PDB file of all heavy atoms in Angstrom:
ATOM      1  N   GLN A   1      18.774  86.544 -29.545  1.00  0.00           N
ATOM      2  CA  GLN A   1      17.719  85.755 -30.202  1.00  0.00           C
ATOM      3  C   GLN A   1      16.560  85.426 -29.305  1.00  0.00           C
ATOM      4  O   GLN A   1      16.676  85.547 -28.085  1.00  0.00           O
ATOM      5  CB  GLN A   1      18.253  84.388 -30.683  1.00  0.00           C
ATOM      6  CG  GLN A   1      19.352  84.531 -31.720  1.00  0.00           C
ATOM      7  CD  GLN A   1      18.944  85.264 -33.041  1.00  0.00           C
ATOM      8  OE1 GLN A   1      17.870  84.870 -33.551  1.00  0.00           O
ATOM      9  NE2 GLN A   1      19.721  86.240 -33.412  1.00  0.00           N
ATOM     10  N   TYR A   2      15.395  85.141 -29.862  1.00  0.00           N
ATOM     11  CA  TYR A   2      14.287  84.743 -29.084  1.00  0.00           C
ATOM     12  C   TYR A   2      14.512  83.449 -28.272  1.00  0.00           C
ATOM     13  O   TYR A   2      15.371  82.758 -28.508  1.00  0.00           O
ATOM     14  CB  TYR A   2      13.052  84.600 -29.947  1.00  0.00           C
ATOM     15  CG  TYR A   2      12.514  85.924 -30.660  1.00  0.00           C
ATOM     16  CD1 TYR A   2      12.315  85.922 -31.950  1.00  0.00           C
ATOM     17  CD2 TYR A   2      12.270  87.043 -29.772  1.00  0.00           C
ATOM     18  CE1 TYR A   2      11.836  87.075 -32.535  1.00  0.00           C
ATOM     19  CE2 TYR A   2      11.844  88.255 -30.304  1.00  0.00           C
ATOM     20  CZ  TYR A   2      11.650  88.286 -31.774  1.00  0.00           C
ATOM     21  OH  TYR A   2      11.162  89.416 -32.327  1.00  0.00           O
ATOM     22  N   ARG A   3      13.643  83.339 -27.245  1.00  0.00           N
ATOM     23  CA  ARG A   3      13.727  82.025 -26.463  1.00  0.00           C
ATOM     24  C   ARG A   3      13.559  80.844 -27.307  1.00  0.00           C
ATOM     25  O   ARG A   3      12.690  80.735 -28.188  1.00  0.00           O
ATOM     26  CB  ARG A   3      12.584  82.109 -25.402  1.00  0.00           C
ATOM     27  CG  ARG A   3      12.662  83.315 -24.432  1.00  0.00           C
ATOM     28  CD  ARG A   3      11.401  83.368 -23.481  1.00  0.00           C
ATOM     29  NE  ARG A   3      10.232  83.616 -24.226  1.00  0.00           N
ATOM     30  CZ  ARG A   3       9.851  84.834 -24.637  1.00  0.00           C
ATOM     31  NH1 ARG A   3      10.620  85.917 -24.406  1.00  0.00           N
ATOM     32  NH2 ARG A   3       8.643  85.062 -25.258  1.00  0.00           N
ATOM     33  N   HIS A   4      14.379  79.752 -27.048  1.00  0.00           N
ATOM     34  CA  HIS A   4      14.256  78.576 -27.784  1.00  0.00           C
ATOM     35  C   HIS A   4      14.070  77.261 -27.061  1.00  0.00           C
ATOM     36  O   HIS A   4      13.887  76.241 -27.605  1.00  0.00           O
ATOM     37  CB  HIS A   4      15.562  78.421 -28.612  1.00  0.00           C
ATOM     38  CG  HIS A   4      16.780  78.219 -27.764  1.00  0.00           C
ATOM     39  ND1 HIS A   4      17.534  79.222 -27.403  1.00  0.00           N
ATOM     40  CD2 HIS A   4      17.365  77.067 -27.303  1.00  0.00           C
ATOM     41  CE1 HIS A   4      18.577  78.723 -26.620  1.00  0.00           C
ATOM     42  NE2 HIS A   4      18.464  77.526 -26.573  1.00  0.00           N
ATOM     43  N   LEU A   5      14.150  77.343 -25.659  1.00  0.00           N
ATOM     44  CA  LEU A   5      13.916  76.162 -24.825  1.00  0.00           C
ATOM     45  C   LEU A   5      12.261  75.949 -24.798  1.00  0.00           C
ATOM     46  O   LEU A   5      11.530  76.850 -24.912  1.00  0.00           O
ATOM     47  CB  LEU A   5      14.455  76.420 -23.436  1.00  0.00           C
ATOM     48  CG  LEU A   5      15.962  76.365 -23.324  1.00  0.00           C
ATOM     49  CD1 LEU A   5      16.378  76.590 -21.864  1.00  0.00           C
ATOM     50  CD2 LEU A   5      16.559  75.152 -23.865  1.00  0.00           C
ATOM     51  N   PRO A   6      11.941  74.764 -24.458  1.00  0.00           N
ATOM     52  CA  PRO A   6      10.484  74.507 -24.255  1.00  0.00           C
ATOM     53  C   PRO A   6       9.964  75.383 -23.086  1.00  0.00           C
ATOM     54  O   PRO A   6      10.594  75.568 -22.043  1.00  0.00           O
ATOM     55  CB  PRO A   6      10.438  73.001 -23.730  1.00  0.00           C
ATOM     56  CG  PRO A   6      11.685  72.495 -24.290  1.00  0.00           C
ATOM     57  CD  PRO A   6      12.698  73.591 -24.327  1.00  0.00           C
ATOM     58  N   GLN A   7       8.743  76.026 -23.286  1.00  0.00           N
ATOM     59  CA  GLN A   7       8.186  76.881 -22.270  1.00  0.00           C
ATOM     60  C   GLN A   7       7.261  76.100 -21.358  1.00  0.00           C
ATOM     61  O   GLN A   7       6.417  75.299 -21.873  1.00  0.00           O
ATOM     62  CB  GLN A   7       7.449  77.926 -23.051  1.00  0.00           C
ATOM     63  CG  GLN A   7       8.373  78.840 -23.850  1.00  0.00           C
ATOM     64  CD  GLN A   7       9.519  79.596 -23.102  1.00  0.00           C
ATOM     65  OE1 GLN A   7       9.228  80.474 -22.372  1.00  0.00           O
ATOM     66  NE2 GLN A   7      10.713  79.008 -23.285  1.00  0.00           N
ATOM     67  N   LEU A   8       7.510  76.095 -20.027  1.00  0.00           N
ATOM     68  CA  LEU A   8       6.814  75.385 -19.053  1.00  0.00           C
ATOM     69  C   LEU A   8       5.901  76.219 -18.192  1.00  0.00           C
ATOM     70  O   LEU A   8       6.180  77.423 -17.889  1.00  0.00           O
ATOM     71  CB  LEU A   8       7.778  74.672 -18.187  1.00  0.00           C
ATOM     72  CG  LEU A   8       8.818  73.721 -18.820  1.00  0.00           C
ATOM     73  CD1 LEU A   8       9.770  73.177 -17.849  1.00  0.00           C
ATOM     74  CD2 LEU A   8       8.165  72.660 -19.678  1.00  0.00           C
ATOM     75  N   PRO A   9       4.782  75.685 -17.687  1.00  0.00           N
ATOM     76  CA  PRO A   9       3.918  76.473 -16.807  1.00  0.00           C
ATOM     77  C   PRO A   9       4.445  76.443 -15.354  1.00  0.00           C
ATOM     78  O   PRO A   9       5.166  75.558 -14.923  1.00  0.00           O
ATOM     79  CB  PRO A   9       2.596  75.725 -16.893  1.00  0.00           C
ATOM     80  CG  PRO A   9       2.906  74.178 -17.170  1.00  0.00           C
ATOM     81  CD  PRO A   9       4.283  74.349 -18.002  1.00  0.00           C
ATOM     82  N   CYS A  10       4.054  77.431 -14.655  1.00  0.00           N
ATOM     83  CA  CYS A  10       4.169  77.397 -13.209  1.00  0.00           C
ATOM     84  C   CYS A  10       2.819  77.124 -12.710  1.00  0.00           C
ATOM     85  O   CYS A  10       1.777  77.066 -13.352  1.00  0.00           O
ATOM     86  CB  CYS A  10       4.609  78.832 -12.652  1.00  0.00           C
ATOM     87  SG  CYS A  10       6.235  79.324 -13.220  1.00  0.00           S
ATOM     88  N   TRP A  11       2.636  76.824 -11.351  1.00  0.00           N
ATOM     89  CA  TRP A  11       1.423  76.404 -10.698  1.00  0.00           C
ATOM     90  C   TRP A  11       1.173  77.177  -9.404  1.00  0.00           C
ATOM     91  O   TRP A  11       2.116  77.502  -8.749  1.00  0.00           O
ATOM     92  CB  TRP A  11       1.476  74.869 -10.455  1.00  0.00           C
ATOM     93  CG  TRP A  11       1.741  74.091 -11.626  1.00  0.00           C
ATOM     94  CD1 TRP A  11       2.948  73.781 -12.177  1.00  0.00           C
ATOM     95  CD2 TRP A  11       0.806  73.414 -12.471  1.00  0.00           C
ATOM     96  NE1 TRP A  11       2.851  73.019 -13.343  1.00  0.00           N
ATOM     97  CE2 TRP A  11       1.556  72.825 -13.620  1.00  0.00           C
ATOM     98  CE3 TRP A  11      -0.611  73.274 -12.487  1.00  0.00           C
ATOM     99  CZ2 TRP A  11       0.939  72.084 -14.592  1.00  0.00           C
ATOM    100  CZ3 TRP A  11      -1.201  72.642 -13.474  1.00  0.00           C
ATOM    101  CH2 TRP A  11      -0.532  72.075 -14.530  1.00  0.00           C
ATOM    102  N   THR A  12      -0.058  77.399  -9.135  1.00  0.00           N
ATOM    103  CA  THR A  12      -0.425  78.195  -7.899  1.00  0.00           C
ATOM    104  C   THR A  12      -1.246  77.457  -6.967  1.00  0.00           C
ATOM    105  O   THR A  12      -2.095  76.548  -7.382  1.00  0.00           O
ATOM    106  CB  THR A  12      -1.157  79.497  -8.239  1.00  0.00           C
ATOM    107  OG1 THR A  12      -2.338  79.158  -8.823  1.00  0.00           O
ATOM    108  CG2 THR A  12      -0.323  80.365  -9.254  1.00  0.00           C
ATOM    109  N   CYS A  13      -1.092  77.635  -5.737  1.00  0.00           N
ATOM    110  CA  CYS A  13      -2.028  77.075  -4.652  1.00  0.00           C
ATOM    111  C   CYS A  13      -1.939  78.018  -3.480  1.00  0.00           C
ATOM    112  O   CYS A  13      -1.263  79.068  -3.537  1.00  0.00           O
ATOM    113  CB  CYS A  13      -1.720  75.635  -4.306  1.00  0.00           C
ATOM    114  SG  CYS A  13       0.091  75.530  -3.645  1.00  0.00           S
ATOM    115  N   ASN A  14      -2.536  77.636  -2.332  1.00  0.00           N
ATOM    116  CA  ASN A  14      -2.456  78.508  -1.161  1.00  0.00           C
ATOM    117  C   ASN A  14      -2.236  77.759   0.145  1.00  0.00           C
ATOM    118  O   ASN A  14      -2.580  76.533   0.179  1.00  0.00           O
ATOM    119  CB  ASN A  14      -3.849  79.254  -1.037  1.00  0.00           C
ATOM    120  CG  ASN A  14      -4.080  80.279  -2.152  1.00  0.00           C
ATOM    121  OD1 ASN A  14      -3.634  81.352  -2.189  1.00  0.00           O
ATOM    122  ND2 ASN A  14      -4.851  79.827  -3.168  1.00  0.00           N
ATOM    123  N   THR A  15      -1.723  78.389   1.118  1.00  0.00           N
ATOM    124  CA  THR A  15      -1.614  77.786   2.334  1.00  0.00           C
ATOM    125  C   THR A  15      -3.083  77.806   2.965  1.00  0.00           C
ATOM    126  O   THR A  15      -3.998  78.411   2.426  1.00  0.00           O
ATOM    127  CB  THR A  15      -0.737  78.536   3.375  1.00  0.00           C
ATOM    128  OG1 THR A  15      -1.201  79.966   3.588  1.00  0.00           O
ATOM    129  CG2 THR A  15       0.684  78.543   2.810  1.00  0.00           C
ATOM    130  N   ASN A  16      -3.280  77.246   4.139  1.00  0.00           N
ATOM    131  CA  ASN A  16      -4.636  77.216   4.887  1.00  0.00           C
ATOM    132  C   ASN A  16      -4.432  77.214   6.326  1.00  0.00           C
ATOM    133  O   ASN A  16      -3.252  77.191   6.731  1.00  0.00           O
ATOM    134  CB  ASN A  16      -5.465  75.995   4.345  1.00  0.00           C
ATOM    135  CG  ASN A  16      -4.703  74.627   4.525  1.00  0.00           C
ATOM    136  OD1 ASN A  16      -4.166  74.420   5.570  1.00  0.00           O
ATOM    137  ND2 ASN A  16      -4.673  73.853   3.476  1.00  0.00           N
ATOM    138  N   GLU A  17      -5.489  77.185   7.005  1.00  0.00           N
ATOM    139  CA  GLU A  17      -5.452  77.242   8.514  1.00  0.00           C
ATOM    140  C   GLU A  17      -4.651  76.025   9.101  1.00  0.00           C
ATOM    141  O   GLU A  17      -3.879  76.087  10.009  1.00  0.00           O
ATOM    142  CB  GLU A  17      -6.787  77.332   9.179  1.00  0.00           C
ATOM    143  CG  GLU A  17      -7.304  78.753   9.130  1.00  0.00           C
ATOM    144  CD  GLU A  17      -6.382  79.704   9.986  1.00  0.00           C
ATOM    145  OE1 GLU A  17      -5.660  79.162  10.885  1.00  0.00           O
ATOM    146  OE2 GLU A  17      -6.458  80.937   9.715  1.00  0.00           O
ATOM    147  N   GLU A  18      -4.811  74.840   8.459  1.00  0.00           N
ATOM    148  CA  GLU A  18      -4.067  73.678   8.927  1.00  0.00           C
ATOM    149  C   GLU A  18      -2.590  73.850   8.798  1.00  0.00           C
ATOM    150  O   GLU A  18      -1.813  73.499   9.692  1.00  0.00           O
ATOM    151  CB  GLU A  18      -4.501  72.379   8.198  1.00  0.00           C
ATOM    152  CG  GLU A  18      -5.911  71.916   8.539  1.00  0.00           C
ATOM    153  CD  GLU A  18      -6.250  70.572   7.821  1.00  0.00           C
ATOM    154  OE1 GLU A  18      -6.613  70.633   6.679  1.00  0.00           O
ATOM    155  OE2 GLU A  18      -5.965  69.553   8.463  1.00  0.00           O
ATOM    156  N   VAL A  19      -2.177  74.450   7.700  1.00  0.00           N
ATOM    157  CA  VAL A  19      -0.771  74.667   7.416  1.00  0.00           C
ATOM    158  C   VAL A  19      -0.306  75.699   8.439  1.00  0.00           C
ATOM    159  O   VAL A  19       0.840  75.461   9.166  1.00  0.00           O
ATOM    160  CB  VAL A  19      -0.550  75.273   6.038  1.00  0.00           C
ATOM    161  CG1 VAL A  19       0.894  75.750   5.854  1.00  0.00           C
ATOM    162  CG2 VAL A  19      -0.977  74.269   4.939  1.00  0.00           C
ATOM    163  N   HIS A  20      -1.017  76.723   8.778  1.00  0.00           N
ATOM    164  CA  HIS A  20      -0.651  77.753   9.729  1.00  0.00           C
ATOM    165  C   HIS A  20      -0.570  77.194  11.114  1.00  0.00           C
ATOM    166  O   HIS A  20       0.324  77.475  11.934  1.00  0.00           O
ATOM    167  CB  HIS A  20      -1.632  78.901   9.719  1.00  0.00           C
ATOM    168  CG  HIS A  20      -1.686  79.631   8.377  1.00  0.00           C
ATOM    169  ND1 HIS A  20      -2.524  80.677   8.120  1.00  0.00           N
ATOM    170  CD2 HIS A  20      -1.026  79.445   7.211  1.00  0.00           C
ATOM    171  CE1 HIS A  20      -2.290  81.117   6.861  1.00  0.00           C
ATOM    172  NE2 HIS A  20      -1.312  80.328   6.263  1.00  0.00           N
ATOM    173  N   ASP A  21      -1.448  76.260  11.494  1.00  0.00           N
ATOM    174  CA  ASP A  21      -1.371  75.662  12.789  1.00  0.00           C
ATOM    175  C   ASP A  21      -0.068  74.864  13.022  1.00  0.00           C
ATOM    176  O   ASP A  21       0.451  74.919  14.074  1.00  0.00           O
ATOM    177  CB  ASP A  21      -2.589  74.735  12.982  1.00  0.00           C
ATOM    178  CG  ASP A  21      -3.962  75.557  13.210  1.00  0.00           C
ATOM    179  OD1 ASP A  21      -3.885  76.776  13.534  1.00  0.00           O
ATOM    180  OD2 ASP A  21      -5.026  74.859  13.036  1.00  0.00           O
ATOM    181  N   VAL A  22       0.268  74.087  11.983  1.00  0.00           N
ATOM    182  CA  VAL A  22       1.510  73.377  12.090  1.00  0.00           C
ATOM    183  C   VAL A  22       2.633  74.193  12.234  1.00  0.00           C
ATOM    184  O   VAL A  22       3.558  74.127  13.082  1.00  0.00           O
ATOM    185  CB  VAL A  22       1.690  72.489  10.870  1.00  0.00           C
ATOM    186  CG1 VAL A  22       3.072  71.756  10.893  1.00  0.00           C
ATOM    187  CG2 VAL A  22       0.652  71.350  10.760  1.00  0.00           C
ATOM    188  N   LEU A  23       2.733  75.383  11.468  1.00  0.00           N
ATOM    189  CA  LEU A  23       3.851  76.267  11.514  1.00  0.00           C
ATOM    190  C   LEU A  23       3.912  77.035  12.910  1.00  0.00           C
ATOM    191  O   LEU A  23       4.969  77.125  13.497  1.00  0.00           O
ATOM    192  CB  LEU A  23       3.684  77.292  10.416  1.00  0.00           C
ATOM    193  CG  LEU A  23       4.002  76.802   9.022  1.00  0.00           C
ATOM    194  CD1 LEU A  23       3.586  77.807   7.940  1.00  0.00           C
ATOM    195  CD2 LEU A  23       5.346  76.287   8.726  1.00  0.00           C
ATOM    196  N   ARG A  24       2.703  77.354  13.419  1.00  0.00           N
ATOM    197  CA  ARG A  24       2.670  78.006  14.784  1.00  0.00           C
ATOM    198  C   ARG A  24       3.209  77.051  15.868  1.00  0.00           C
ATOM    199  O   ARG A  24       3.826  77.609  16.715  1.00  0.00           O
ATOM    200  CB  ARG A  24       1.202  78.439  15.076  1.00  0.00           C
ATOM    201  CG  ARG A  24       0.779  79.643  14.185  1.00  0.00           C
ATOM    202  CD  ARG A  24      -0.578  80.100  14.805  1.00  0.00           C
ATOM    203  NE  ARG A  24      -1.230  81.112  13.802  1.00  0.00           N
ATOM    204  CZ  ARG A  24      -2.165  80.778  12.979  1.00  0.00           C
ATOM    205  NH1 ARG A  24      -2.718  79.548  12.956  1.00  0.00           N
ATOM    206  NH2 ARG A  24      -2.708  81.624  12.175  1.00  0.00           N
ATOM    207  N   SER A  25       2.918  75.768  15.695  1.00  0.00           N
ATOM    208  CA  SER A  25       3.473  74.866  16.693  1.00  0.00           C
ATOM    209  C   SER A  25       5.036  74.784  16.768  1.00  0.00           C
ATOM    210  O   SER A  25       5.486  74.314  17.759  1.00  0.00           O
ATOM    211  CB  SER A  25       2.901  73.462  16.431  1.00  0.00           C
ATOM    212  OG  SER A  25       3.495  72.889  15.305  1.00  0.00           O
ATOM    213  N   GLY A  26       5.567  75.216  15.634  1.00  0.00           N
ATOM    214  CA  GLY A  26       7.088  75.216  15.657  1.00  0.00           C
ATOM    215  C   GLY A  26       7.698  76.527  15.884  1.00  0.00           C
ATOM    216  O   GLY A  26       8.974  76.657  15.775  1.00  0.00           O
ATOM    217  N   LEU A  27       6.961  77.608  16.152  1.00  0.00           N
ATOM    218  CA  LEU A  27       7.580  78.969  16.195  1.00  0.00           C
ATOM    219  C   LEU A  27       8.675  79.063  17.325  1.00  0.00           C
ATOM    220  O   LEU A  27       9.604  79.798  17.122  1.00  0.00           O
ATOM    221  CB  LEU A  27       6.516  80.026  16.514  1.00  0.00           C
ATOM    222  CG  LEU A  27       5.660  80.407  15.172  1.00  0.00           C
ATOM    223  CD1 LEU A  27       4.557  81.456  15.611  1.00  0.00           C
ATOM    224  CD2 LEU A  27       6.575  80.982  14.140  1.00  0.00           C
ATOM    225  N   ALA A  28       8.456  78.340  18.407  1.00  0.00           N
ATOM    226  CA  ALA A  28       9.476  78.399  19.527  1.00  0.00           C
ATOM    227  C   ALA A  28      10.762  77.854  19.103  1.00  0.00           C
ATOM    228  O   ALA A  28      11.825  78.182  19.594  1.00  0.00           O
ATOM    229  CB  ALA A  28       8.894  77.533  20.689  1.00  0.00           C
ATOM    230  N   GLU A  29      10.813  76.938  18.127  1.00  0.00           N
ATOM    231  CA  GLU A  29      12.057  76.424  17.559  1.00  0.00           C
ATOM    232  C   GLU A  29      12.612  77.203  16.285  1.00  0.00           C
ATOM    233  O   GLU A  29      13.617  76.916  15.734  1.00  0.00           O
ATOM    234  CB  GLU A  29      11.922  75.006  17.244  1.00  0.00           C
ATOM    235  CG  GLU A  29      11.607  74.069  18.381  1.00  0.00           C
ATOM    236  CD  GLU A  29      11.536  72.619  17.910  1.00  0.00           C
ATOM    237  OE1 GLU A  29      12.533  71.996  17.767  1.00  0.00           O
ATOM    238  OE2 GLU A  29      10.430  72.211  17.793  1.00  0.00           O
ATOM    239  N   SER A  30      11.920  78.276  15.865  1.00  0.00           N
ATOM    240  CA  SER A  30      12.321  79.028  14.730  1.00  0.00           C
ATOM    241  C   SER A  30      13.468  80.027  15.095  1.00  0.00           C
ATOM    242  O   SER A  30      13.283  80.730  16.037  1.00  0.00           O
ATOM    243  CB  SER A  30      11.126  79.845  14.217  1.00  0.00           C
ATOM    244  OG  SER A  30      11.565  80.841  13.279  1.00  0.00           O
ATOM    245  N   PRO A  31      14.541  79.852  14.406  1.00  0.00           N
ATOM    246  CA  PRO A  31      15.729  80.798  14.705  1.00  0.00           C
ATOM    247  C   PRO A  31      15.336  82.244  14.550  1.00  0.00           C
ATOM    248  O   PRO A  31      16.020  83.087  15.002  1.00  0.00           O
ATOM    249  CB  PRO A  31      16.765  80.277  13.825  1.00  0.00           C
ATOM    250  CG  PRO A  31      16.040  79.605  12.629  1.00  0.00           C
ATOM    251  CD  PRO A  31      14.868  79.011  13.294  1.00  0.00           C
ATOM    252  N   LEU A  32      14.275  82.538  13.810  1.00  0.00           N
ATOM    253  CA  LEU A  32      13.850  84.005  13.640  1.00  0.00           C
ATOM    254  C   LEU A  32      13.206  84.499  14.881  1.00  0.00           C
ATOM    255  O   LEU A  32      13.264  85.773  15.114  1.00  0.00           O
ATOM    256  CB  LEU A  32      12.932  84.136  12.434  1.00  0.00           C
ATOM    257  CG  LEU A  32      13.539  83.889  11.054  1.00  0.00           C
ATOM    258  CD1 LEU A  32      12.353  83.954  10.062  1.00  0.00           C
ATOM    259  CD2 LEU A  32      14.568  84.930  10.800  1.00  0.00           C
ATOM    260  N   PHE A  33      12.716  83.681  15.754  1.00  0.00           N
ATOM    261  CA  PHE A  33      11.868  84.153  16.869  1.00  0.00           C
ATOM    262  C   PHE A  33      12.423  83.661  18.237  1.00  0.00           C
ATOM    263  O   PHE A  33      11.934  84.057  19.258  1.00  0.00           O
ATOM    264  CB  PHE A  33      10.458  83.750  16.764  1.00  0.00           C
ATOM    265  CG  PHE A  33       9.802  84.347  15.474  1.00  0.00           C
ATOM    266  CD1 PHE A  33       9.518  83.554  14.374  1.00  0.00           C
ATOM    267  CD2 PHE A  33       9.472  85.611  15.508  1.00  0.00           C
ATOM    268  CE1 PHE A  33       9.007  84.089  13.267  1.00  0.00           C
ATOM    269  CE2 PHE A  33       8.875  86.166  14.377  1.00  0.00           C
ATOM    270  CZ  PHE A  33       8.640  85.446  13.193  1.00  0.00           C
ATOM    271  N   ASN A  34      13.436  82.766  18.182  1.00  0.00           N
ATOM    272  CA  ASN A  34      13.961  82.338  19.506  1.00  0.00           C
ATOM    273  C   ASN A  34      15.245  83.033  19.889  1.00  0.00           C
ATOM    274  O   ASN A  34      15.972  82.641  20.771  1.00  0.00           O
ATOM    275  CB  ASN A  34      14.136  80.807  19.476  1.00  0.00           C
ATOM    276  CG  ASN A  34      15.198  80.356  18.477  1.00  0.00           C
ATOM    277  OD1 ASN A  34      15.929  81.160  17.904  1.00  0.00           O
ATOM    278  ND2 ASN A  34      15.311  79.040  18.317  1.00  0.00           N
ATOM    279  N   GLY A  35      15.658  84.106  19.080  1.00  0.00           N
ATOM    280  CA  GLY A  35      16.824  84.806  19.369  1.00  0.00           C
ATOM    281  C   GLY A  35      18.094  84.285  18.688  1.00  0.00           C
ATOM    282  O   GLY A  35      19.231  84.928  18.836  1.00  0.00           O
ATOM    283  N   GLN A  36      18.050  83.209  17.999  1.00  0.00           N
ATOM    284  CA  GLN A  36      19.172  82.654  17.255  1.00  0.00           C
ATOM    285  C   GLN A  36      19.644  83.478  16.216  1.00  0.00           C
ATOM    286  O   GLN A  36      20.849  83.536  16.039  1.00  0.00           O
ATOM    287  CB  GLN A  36      18.801  81.203  16.882  1.00  0.00           C
ATOM    288  CG  GLN A  36      19.911  80.406  16.281  1.00  0.00           C
ATOM    289  CD  GLN A  36      19.417  78.922  16.001  1.00  0.00           C
ATOM    290  OE1 GLN A  36      18.845  78.257  16.784  1.00  0.00           O
ATOM    291  NE2 GLN A  36      19.776  78.465  14.773  1.00  0.00           N
ATOM    292  N   ILE A  37      18.820  84.099  15.357  1.00  0.00           N
ATOM    293  CA  ILE A  37      19.197  85.004  14.420  1.00  0.00           C
ATOM    294  C   ILE A  37      18.933  86.448  14.748  1.00  0.00           C
ATOM    295  O   ILE A  37      17.797  86.780  15.192  1.00  0.00           O
ATOM    296  CB  ILE A  37      18.362  84.730  13.051  1.00  0.00           C
ATOM    297  CG1 ILE A  37      18.766  83.321  12.468  1.00  0.00           C
ATOM    298  CG2 ILE A  37      18.530  85.752  12.013  1.00  0.00           C
ATOM    299  CD1 ILE A  37      17.967  82.958  11.237  1.00  0.00           C
ATOM    300  N   GLN A  38      19.916  87.251  14.873  1.00  0.00           N
ATOM    301  CA  GLN A  38      19.832  88.629  15.270  1.00  0.00           C
ATOM    302  C   GLN A  38      19.804  89.572  14.094  1.00  0.00           C
ATOM    303  O   GLN A  38      19.409  90.668  14.263  1.00  0.00           O
ATOM    304  CB  GLN A  38      21.018  88.967  16.169  1.00  0.00           C
ATOM    305  CG  GLN A  38      21.151  88.183  17.430  1.00  0.00           C
ATOM    306  CD  GLN A  38      19.931  88.480  18.426  1.00  0.00           C
ATOM    307  OE1 GLN A  38      19.559  89.595  18.493  1.00  0.00           O
ATOM    308  NE2 GLN A  38      19.521  87.472  19.203  1.00  0.00           N
ATOM    309  N   SER A  39      20.286  89.174  12.998  1.00  0.00           N
ATOM    310  CA  SER A  39      20.356  90.100  11.788  1.00  0.00           C
ATOM    311  C   SER A  39      19.150  90.267  11.106  1.00  0.00           C
ATOM    312  O   SER A  39      18.112  89.524  11.275  1.00  0.00           O
ATOM    313  CB  SER A  39      21.547  89.532  10.832  1.00  0.00           C
ATOM    314  OG  SER A  39      21.263  88.199  10.528  1.00  0.00           O
ATOM    315  N   THR A  40      19.081  91.325  10.225  1.00  0.00           N
ATOM    316  CA  THR A  40      17.803  91.710   9.499  1.00  0.00           C
ATOM    317  C   THR A  40      17.634  91.057   8.218  1.00  0.00           C
ATOM    318  O   THR A  40      18.619  90.958   7.446  1.00  0.00           O
ATOM    319  CB  THR A  40      17.859  93.315   9.355  1.00  0.00           C
ATOM    320  OG1 THR A  40      18.033  93.949  10.526  1.00  0.00           O
ATOM    321  CG2 THR A  40      16.570  93.686   8.749  1.00  0.00           C
ATOM    322  N   GLY A  41      16.405  90.546   7.993  1.00  0.00           N
ATOM    323  CA  GLY A  41      16.040  89.852   6.681  1.00  0.00           C
ATOM    324  C   GLY A  41      15.394  90.741   5.694  1.00  0.00           C
ATOM    325  O   GLY A  41      15.014  91.878   6.101  1.00  0.00           O
TER     326      GLY A  41
END
């Protein structure tokens, strides 16, 4: 049968340079880049 639940919207936005600066400040503690995770994503 066709969909019967209420249909809801999704929403879009973007990161920015301030977001990126905060994330870069934590790269040293990222398990992806400090050697903690060795496997492939």
